[in-house]
Amino acid sequence: YELADKVGMVFQDPESQLFMTTVEREIAF
């Protein structure tokens, strides 16, 4: 979490990192 503004990672299965109720809230999280 300390590296979040240095390195961002996108996984093979997007469902594994999407868990909020809307797209807007997902981005804001």
PDB file of all heavy atoms in Angstrom:
ATOM      1  N   TYR A   1       0.828  -1.216   0.000  1.00  0.00           N
ATOM      2  CA  TYR A   1       0.000   0.000   0.000  1.00  0.00           C
ATOM      3  C   TYR A   1       0.861   1.264   0.000  1.00  0.00           C
ATOM      4  O   TYR A   1       0.435   2.318  -0.472  1.00  0.00           O
ATOM      5  CB  TYR A   1      -0.959  -0.006   1.194  1.00  0.00           C
ATOM      6  CG  TYR A   1      -0.320   0.199   2.545  1.00  0.00           C
ATOM      7  CD1 TYR A   1      -0.079   1.483   3.045  1.00  0.00           C
ATOM      8  CD2 TYR A   1       0.045  -0.884   3.336  1.00  0.00           C
ATOM      9  CE1 TYR A   1       0.517   1.674   4.283  1.00  0.00           C
ATOM     10  CE2 TYR A   1       0.634  -0.705   4.581  1.00  0.00           C
ATOM     11  CZ  TYR A   1       0.865   0.578   5.047  1.00  0.00           C
ATOM     12  OH  TYR A   1       1.456   0.757   6.273  1.00  0.00           O
ATOM     13  N   GLU A   2       2.086   1.157   0.516  1.00  0.00           N
ATOM     14  CA  GLU A   2       2.981   2.308   0.512  1.00  0.00           C
ATOM     15  C   GLU A   2       3.527   2.600  -0.886  1.00  0.00           C
ATOM     16  O   GLU A   2       4.032   3.695  -1.143  1.00  0.00           O
ATOM     17  CB  GLU A   2       4.155   2.063   1.470  1.00  0.00           C
ATOM     18  CG  GLU A   2       3.747   1.912   2.919  1.00  0.00           C
ATOM     19  CD  GLU A   2       4.937   1.598   3.814  1.00  0.00           C
ATOM     20  OE1 GLU A   2       5.572   0.537   3.628  1.00  0.00           O
ATOM     21  OE2 GLU A   2       5.232   2.431   4.688  1.00  0.00           O
ATOM     22  N   LEU A   3       3.415   1.624  -1.770  1.00  0.00           N
ATOM     23  CA  LEU A   3       3.951   1.758  -3.128  1.00  0.00           C
ATOM     24  C   LEU A   3       2.864   2.055  -4.156  1.00  0.00           C
ATOM     25  O   LEU A   3       3.146   2.123  -5.354  1.00  0.00           O
ATOM     26  CB  LEU A   3       4.674   0.461  -3.531  1.00  0.00           C
ATOM     27  CG  LEU A   3       5.833   0.016  -2.628  1.00  0.00           C
ATOM     28  CD1 LEU A   3       6.309  -1.372  -3.035  1.00  0.00           C
ATOM     29  CD2 LEU A   3       6.972   1.010  -2.678  1.00  0.00           C
ATOM     30  N   ALA A   4       1.615   2.245  -3.695  1.00  0.00           N
ATOM     31  CA  ALA A   4       0.474   2.355  -4.614  1.00  0.00           C
ATOM     32  C   ALA A   4       0.605   3.512  -5.595  1.00  0.00           C
ATOM     33  O   ALA A   4       0.112   3.429  -6.724  1.00  0.00           O
ATOM     34  CB  ALA A   4      -0.819   2.484  -3.821  1.00  0.00           C
ATOM     35  N   ASP A   5       1.252   4.601  -5.193  1.00  0.00           N
ATOM     36  CA  ASP A   5       1.422   5.728  -6.113  1.00  0.00           C
ATOM     37  C   ASP A   5       2.720   5.621  -6.908  1.00  0.00           C
ATOM     38  O   ASP A   5       3.052   6.511  -7.692  1.00  0.00           O
ATOM     39  CB  ASP A   5       1.364   7.056  -5.356  1.00  0.00           C
ATOM     40  CG  ASP A   5       2.482   7.194  -4.330  1.00  0.00           C
ATOM     41  OD1 ASP A   5       3.086   6.167  -3.963  1.00  0.00           O
ATOM     42  OD2 ASP A   5       2.745   8.328  -3.886  1.00  0.00           O
ATOM     43  N   LYS A   6       3.448   4.529  -6.714  1.00  0.00           N
ATOM     44  CA  LYS A   6       4.671   4.267  -7.485  1.00  0.00           C
ATOM     45  C   LYS A   6       4.439   3.149  -8.501  1.00  0.00           C
ATOM     46  O   LYS A   6       4.853   3.246  -9.647  1.00  0.00           O
ATOM     47  CB  LYS A   6       5.817   3.865  -6.547  1.00  0.00           C
ATOM     48  CG  LYS A   6       6.132   4.863  -5.451  1.00  0.00           C
ATOM     49  CD  LYS A   6       6.722   6.130  -6.002  1.00  0.00           C
ATOM     50  CE  LYS A   6       7.208   7.056  -4.901  1.00  0.00           C
ATOM     51  NZ  LYS A   6       6.149   7.477  -3.950  1.00  0.00           N
ATOM     52  N   VAL A   7       3.813   2.060  -8.019  1.00  0.00           N
ATOM     53  CA  VAL A   7       3.568   0.893  -8.876  1.00  0.00           C
ATOM     54  C   VAL A   7       2.100   0.495  -8.776  1.00  0.00           C
ATOM     55  O   VAL A   7       1.596   0.244  -7.691  1.00  0.00           O
ATOM     56  CB  VAL A   7       4.435  -0.317  -8.460  1.00  0.00           C
ATOM     57  CG1 VAL A   7       4.174  -1.493  -9.403  1.00  0.00           C
ATOM     58  CG2 VAL A   7       5.902   0.035  -8.453  1.00  0.00           C
ATOM     59  N   GLY A   8       1.429   0.446  -9.920  1.00  0.00           N
ATOM     60  CA  GLY A   8       0.067  -0.057  -9.975  1.00  0.00           C
ATOM     61  C   GLY A   8       0.055  -1.379 -10.709  1.00  0.00           C
ATOM     62  O   GLY A   8       0.766  -1.551 -11.694  1.00  0.00           O
ATOM     63  N   MET A   9      -0.756  -2.337 -10.215  1.00  0.00           N
ATOM     64  CA  MET A   9      -0.775  -3.653 -10.848  1.00  0.00           C
ATOM     65  C   MET A   9      -2.183  -4.039 -11.252  1.00  0.00           C
ATOM     66  O   MET A   9      -3.132  -3.888 -10.471  1.00  0.00           O
ATOM     67  CB  MET A   9      -0.188  -4.720  -9.923  1.00  0.00           C
ATOM     68  CG  MET A   9      -0.116  -6.095 -10.555  1.00  0.00           C
ATOM     69  SD  MET A   9       1.014  -7.194  -9.692  1.00  0.00           S
ATOM     70  CE  MET A   9       0.692  -8.743 -10.540  1.00  0.00           C
ATOM     71  N   VAL A  10      -2.311  -4.529 -12.475  1.00  0.00           N
ATOM     72  CA  VAL A  10      -3.581  -5.031 -13.001  1.00  0.00           C
ATOM     73  C   VAL A  10      -3.427  -6.532 -13.203  1.00  0.00           C
ATOM     74  O   VAL A  10      -2.501  -6.980 -13.888  1.00  0.00           O
ATOM     75  CB  VAL A  10      -3.951  -4.347 -14.332  1.00  0.00           C
ATOM     76  CG1 VAL A  10      -5.251  -4.932 -14.892  1.00  0.00           C
ATOM     77  CG2 VAL A  10      -4.075  -2.843 -14.139  1.00  0.00           C
ATOM     78  N   PHE A  11      -4.355  -7.292 -12.628  1.00  0.00           N
ATOM     79  CA  PHE A  11      -4.241  -8.752 -12.654  1.00  0.00           C
ATOM     80  C   PHE A  11      -4.921  -9.344 -13.884  1.00  0.00           C
ATOM     81  O   PHE A  11      -5.705  -8.690 -14.574  1.00  0.00           O
ATOM     82  CB  PHE A  11      -4.843  -9.352 -11.382  1.00  0.00           C
ATOM     83  CG  PHE A  11      -4.163  -8.897 -10.128  1.00  0.00           C
ATOM     84  CD1 PHE A  11      -4.657  -7.822  -9.407  1.00  0.00           C
ATOM     85  CD2 PHE A  11      -3.015  -9.530  -9.682  1.00  0.00           C
ATOM     86  CE1 PHE A  11      -4.027  -7.390  -8.238  1.00  0.00           C
ATOM     87  CE2 PHE A  11      -2.369  -9.108  -8.523  1.00  0.00           C
ATOM     88  CZ  PHE A  11      -2.876  -8.036  -7.812  1.00  0.00           C
ATOM     89  N   GLN A  12      -4.634 -10.623 -14.123  1.00  0.00           N
ATOM     90  CA  GLN A  12      -5.191 -11.330 -15.272  1.00  0.00           C
ATOM     91  C   GLN A  12      -6.707 -11.396 -15.206  1.00  0.00           C
ATOM     92  O   GLN A  12      -7.395 -11.209 -16.207  1.00  0.00           O
ATOM     93  CB  GLN A  12      -4.602 -12.741 -15.336  1.00  0.00           C
ATOM     94  CG  GLN A  12      -5.153 -13.585 -16.462  1.00  0.00           C
ATOM     95  CD  GLN A  12      -4.493 -14.952 -16.519  1.00  0.00           C
ATOM     96  OE1 GLN A  12      -3.378 -15.143 -16.044  1.00  0.00           O
ATOM     97  NE2 GLN A  12      -5.175 -15.920 -17.088  1.00  0.00           N
ATOM     98  N   ASP A  13      -7.237 -11.655 -14.023  1.00  0.00           N
ATOM     99  CA  ASP A  13      -8.676 -11.763 -13.832  1.00  0.00           C
ATOM    100  C   ASP A  13      -9.179 -10.488 -13.156  1.00  0.00           C
ATOM    101  O   ASP A  13      -8.988 -10.320 -11.949  1.00  0.00           O
ATOM    102  CB  ASP A  13      -9.008 -12.980 -12.969  1.00  0.00           C
ATOM    103  CG  ASP A  13     -10.492 -13.115 -12.692  1.00  0.00           C
ATOM    104  OD1 ASP A  13     -11.284 -12.400 -13.346  1.00  0.00           O
ATOM    105  OD2 ASP A  13     -10.863 -13.924 -11.819  1.00  0.00           O
ATOM    106  N   PRO A  14      -9.812  -9.572 -13.880  1.00  0.00           N
ATOM    107  CA  PRO A  14     -10.213  -8.292 -13.280  1.00  0.00           C
ATOM    108  C   PRO A  14     -11.209  -8.459 -12.136  1.00  0.00           C
ATOM    109  O   PRO A  14     -11.247  -7.632 -11.228  1.00  0.00           O
ATOM    110  CB  PRO A  14     -10.828  -7.522 -14.460  1.00  0.00           C
ATOM    111  CG  PRO A  14     -11.210  -8.560 -15.452  1.00  0.00           C
ATOM    112  CD  PRO A  14     -10.191  -9.651 -15.303  1.00  0.00           C
ATOM    113  N   GLU A  15     -12.008  -9.532 -12.177  1.00  0.00           N
ATOM    114  CA  GLU A  15     -12.993  -9.729 -11.113  1.00  0.00           C
ATOM    115  C   GLU A  15     -12.337  -9.868  -9.742  1.00  0.00           C
ATOM    116  O   GLU A  15     -12.951  -9.571  -8.718  1.00  0.00           O
ATOM    117  CB  GLU A  15     -13.854 -10.958 -11.410  1.00  0.00           C
ATOM    118  CG  GLU A  15     -14.862 -10.739 -12.525  1.00  0.00           C
ATOM    119  CD  GLU A  15     -15.778 -11.938 -12.706  1.00  0.00           C
ATOM    120  OE1 GLU A  15     -15.270 -12.997 -13.089  1.00  0.00           O
ATOM    121  OE2 GLU A  15     -16.991 -11.802 -12.467  1.00  0.00           O
ATOM    122  N   SER A  16     -11.076 -10.322  -9.750  1.00  0.00           N
ATOM    123  CA  SER A  16     -10.387 -10.528  -8.474  1.00  0.00           C
ATOM    124  C   SER A  16     -10.032  -9.224  -7.783  1.00  0.00           C
ATOM    125  O   SER A  16      -9.691  -9.216  -6.599  1.00  0.00           O
ATOM    126  CB  SER A  16      -9.115 -11.361  -8.691  1.00  0.00           C
ATOM    127  OG  SER A  16      -8.172 -10.642  -9.468  1.00  0.00           O
ATOM    128  N   GLN A  17     -10.086  -8.088  -8.518  1.00  0.00           N
ATOM    129  CA  GLN A  17      -9.754  -6.821  -7.888  1.00  0.00           C
ATOM    130  C   GLN A  17     -10.885  -5.800  -7.970  1.00  0.00           C
ATOM    131  O   GLN A  17     -10.686  -4.634  -7.676  1.00  0.00           O
ATOM    132  CB  GLN A  17      -8.470  -6.243  -8.472  1.00  0.00           C
ATOM    133  CG  GLN A  17      -8.483  -5.937  -9.946  1.00  0.00           C
ATOM    134  CD  GLN A  17      -7.106  -5.519 -10.469  1.00  0.00           C
ATOM    135  OE1 GLN A  17      -6.549  -6.183 -11.321  1.00  0.00           O
ATOM    136  NE2 GLN A  17      -6.549  -4.433  -9.967  1.00  0.00           N
ATOM    137  N   LEU A  18     -12.087  -6.249  -8.358  1.00  0.00           N
ATOM    138  CA  LEU A  18     -13.252  -5.380  -8.396  1.00  0.00           C
ATOM    139  C   LEU A  18     -14.271  -5.873  -7.371  1.00  0.00           C
ATOM    140  O   LEU A  18     -14.731  -7.007  -7.461  1.00  0.00           O
ATOM    141  CB  LEU A  18     -13.885  -5.385  -9.799  1.00  0.00           C
ATOM    142  CG  LEU A  18     -12.986  -4.947 -10.956  1.00  0.00           C
ATOM    143  CD1 LEU A  18     -13.729  -5.081 -12.276  1.00  0.00           C
ATOM    144  CD2 LEU A  18     -12.487  -3.520 -10.758  1.00  0.00           C
ATOM    145  N   PHE A  19     -14.625  -5.020  -6.423  1.00  0.00           N
ATOM    146  CA  PHE A  19     -15.519  -5.490  -5.358  1.00  0.00           C
ATOM    147  C   PHE A  19     -16.497  -4.437  -4.857  1.00  0.00           C
ATOM    148  O   PHE A  19     -17.337  -4.708  -3.998  1.00  0.00           O
ATOM    149  CB  PHE A  19     -14.685  -6.000  -4.165  1.00  0.00           C
ATOM    150  CG  PHE A  19     -13.663  -5.025  -3.682  1.00  0.00           C
ATOM    151  CD1 PHE A  19     -13.982  -4.072  -2.725  1.00  0.00           C
ATOM    152  CD2 PHE A  19     -12.371  -5.049  -4.187  1.00  0.00           C
ATOM    153  CE1 PHE A  19     -13.041  -3.166  -2.280  1.00  0.00           C
ATOM    154  CE2 PHE A  19     -11.423  -4.139  -3.740  1.00  0.00           C
ATOM    155  CZ  PHE A  19     -11.750  -3.203  -2.793  1.00  0.00           C
ATOM    156  N   MET A  20     -16.437  -3.205  -5.372  1.00  0.00           N
ATOM    157  CA  MET A  20     -17.367  -2.172  -4.937  1.00  0.00           C
ATOM    158  C   MET A  20     -18.688  -2.279  -5.709  1.00  0.00           C
ATOM    159  O   MET A  20     -18.804  -3.036  -6.658  1.00  0.00           O
ATOM    160  CB  MET A  20     -16.742  -0.793  -5.110  1.00  0.00           C
ATOM    161  CG  MET A  20     -15.451  -0.599  -4.318  1.00  0.00           C
ATOM    162  SD  MET A  20     -15.691  -0.760  -2.531  1.00  0.00           S
ATOM    163  CE  MET A  20     -16.510   0.806  -2.178  1.00  0.00           C
ATOM    164  N   THR A  21     -19.684  -1.496  -5.297  1.00  0.00           N
ATOM    165  CA  THR A  21     -21.023  -1.631  -5.869  1.00  0.00           C
ATOM    166  C   THR A  21     -21.192  -0.928  -7.209  1.00  0.00           C
ATOM    167  O   THR A  21     -22.078  -1.274  -7.986  1.00  0.00           O
ATOM    168  CB  THR A  21     -22.080  -1.089  -4.889  1.00  0.00           C
ATOM    169  OG1 THR A  21     -21.742   0.264  -4.539  1.00  0.00           O
ATOM    170  CG2 THR A  21     -22.131  -1.945  -3.622  1.00  0.00           C
ATOM    171  N   THR A  22     -20.373   0.073  -7.493  1.00  0.00           N
ATOM    172  CA  THR A  22     -20.425   0.758  -8.787  1.00  0.00           C
ATOM    173  C   THR A  22     -19.018   1.021  -9.288  1.00  0.00           C
ATOM    174  O   THR A  22     -18.055   1.004  -8.516  1.00  0.00           O
ATOM    175  CB  THR A  22     -21.170   2.115  -8.700  1.00  0.00           C
ATOM    176  OG1 THR A  22     -20.375   3.036  -7.935  1.00  0.00           O
ATOM    177  CG2 THR A  22     -22.558   1.954  -8.090  1.00  0.00           C
ATOM    178  N   VAL A  23     -18.925   1.287 -10.578  1.00  0.00           N
ATOM    179  CA  VAL A  23     -17.635   1.601 -11.190  1.00  0.00           C
ATOM    180  C   VAL A  23     -17.044   2.861 -10.566  1.00  0.00           C
ATOM    181  O   VAL A  23     -15.844   2.924 -10.260  1.00  0.00           O
ATOM    182  CB  VAL A  23     -17.807   1.777 -12.712  1.00  0.00           C
ATOM    183  CG1 VAL A  23     -16.564   2.408 -13.326  1.00  0.00           C
ATOM    184  CG2 VAL A  23     -18.118   0.440 -13.372  1.00  0.00           C
ATOM    185  N   GLU A  24     -17.861   3.877 -10.355  1.00  0.00           N
ATOM    186  CA  GLU A  24     -17.381   5.130  -9.770  1.00  0.00           C
ATOM    187  C   GLU A  24     -16.776   4.893  -8.391  1.00  0.00           C
ATOM    188  O   GLU A  24     -15.693   5.401  -8.069  1.00  0.00           O
ATOM    189  CB  GLU A  24     -18.532   6.127  -9.674  1.00  0.00           C
ATOM    190  CG  GLU A  24     -18.099   7.509  -9.195  1.00  0.00           C
ATOM    191  CD  GLU A  24     -19.246   8.497  -9.258  1.00  0.00           C
ATOM    192  OE1 GLU A  24     -20.331   8.177  -8.737  1.00  0.00           O
ATOM    193  OE2 GLU A  24     -19.051   9.580  -9.828  1.00  0.00           O
ATOM    194  N   ARG A  25     -17.461   4.101  -7.569  1.00  0.00           N
ATOM    195  CA  ARG A  25     -16.943   3.800  -6.223  1.00  0.00           C
ATOM    196  C   ARG A  25     -15.686   2.936  -6.295  1.00  0.00           C
ATOM    197  O   ARG A  25     -14.798   3.069  -5.452  1.00  0.00           O
ATOM    198  CB  ARG A  25     -18.019   3.105  -5.393  1.00  0.00           C
ATOM    199  CG  ARG A  25     -19.179   4.012  -5.029  1.00  0.00           C
ATOM    200  CD  ARG A  25     -20.180   3.317  -4.135  1.00  0.00           C
ATOM    201  NE  ARG A  25     -21.245   4.222  -3.731  1.00  0.00           N
ATOM    202  CZ  ARG A  25     -22.245   3.888  -2.919  1.00  0.00           C
ATOM    203  NH1 ARG A  25     -22.320   2.652  -2.447  1.00  0.00           N
ATOM    204  NH2 ARG A  25     -23.173   4.754  -2.593  1.00  0.00           N
ATOM    205  N   GLU A  26     -15.632   2.080  -7.302  1.00  0.00           N
ATOM    206  CA  GLU A  26     -14.442   1.235  -7.479  1.00  0.00           C
ATOM    207  C   GLU A  26     -13.207   2.102  -7.715  1.00  0.00           C
ATOM    208  O   GLU A  26     -12.146   1.886  -7.132  1.00  0.00           O
ATOM    209  CB  GLU A  26     -14.657   0.291  -8.660  1.00  0.00           C
ATOM    210  CG  GLU A  26     -13.590  -0.763  -8.813  1.00  0.00           C
ATOM    211  CD  GLU A  26     -13.623  -1.787  -7.693  1.00  0.00           C
ATOM    212  OE1 GLU A  26     -14.686  -2.351  -7.424  1.00  0.00           O
ATOM    213  OE2 GLU A  26     -12.548  -2.019  -7.089  1.00  0.00           O
ATOM    214  N   ILE A  27     -13.348   3.086  -8.582  1.00  0.00           N
ATOM    215  CA  ILE A  27     -12.224   3.965  -8.896  1.00  0.00           C
ATOM    216  C   ILE A  27     -11.860   4.836  -7.699  1.00  0.00           C
ATOM    217  O   ILE A  27     -10.681   5.093  -7.435  1.00  0.00           O
ATOM    218  CB  ILE A  27     -12.564   4.836 -10.121  1.00  0.00           C
ATOM    219  CG1 ILE A  27     -12.757   3.935 -11.352  1.00  0.00           C
ATOM    220  CG2 ILE A  27     -11.477   5.866 -10.388  1.00  0.00           C
ATOM    221  CD1 ILE A  27     -13.304   4.658 -12.555  1.00  0.00           C
ATOM    222  N   ALA A  28     -12.881   5.248  -6.945  1.00  0.00           N
ATOM    223  CA  ALA A  28     -12.640   6.127  -5.795  1.00  0.00           C
ATOM    224  C   ALA A  28     -12.009   5.399  -4.611  1.00  0.00           C
ATOM    225  O   ALA A  28     -11.364   6.029  -3.765  1.00  0.00           O
ATOM    226  CB  ALA A  28     -13.949   6.773  -5.350  1.00  0.00           C
ATOM    227  N   PHE A  29     -12.177   4.081  -4.555  1.00  0.00           N
ATOM    228  CA  PHE A  29     -11.726   3.325  -3.378  1.00  0.00           C
ATOM    229  C   PHE A  29     -10.230   3.506  -3.119  1.00  0.00           C
ATOM    230  O   PHE A  29      -9.800   3.791  -1.999  1.00  0.00           O
ATOM    231  CB  PHE A  29     -12.056   1.840  -3.559  1.00  0.00           C
ATOM    232  CG  PHE A  29     -11.590   0.983  -2.414  1.00  0.00           C
ATOM    233  CD1 PHE A  29     -12.283   0.958  -1.220  1.00  0.00           C
ATOM    234  CD2 PHE A  29     -10.440   0.205  -2.535  1.00  0.00           C
ATOM    235  CE1 PHE A  29     -11.846   0.163  -0.165  1.00  0.00           C
ATOM    236  CE2 PHE A  29      -9.998  -0.579  -1.489  1.00  0.00           C
ATOM    237  CZ  PHE A  29     -10.699  -0.604  -0.296  1.00  0.00           C
TER     238      PHE A  29
END
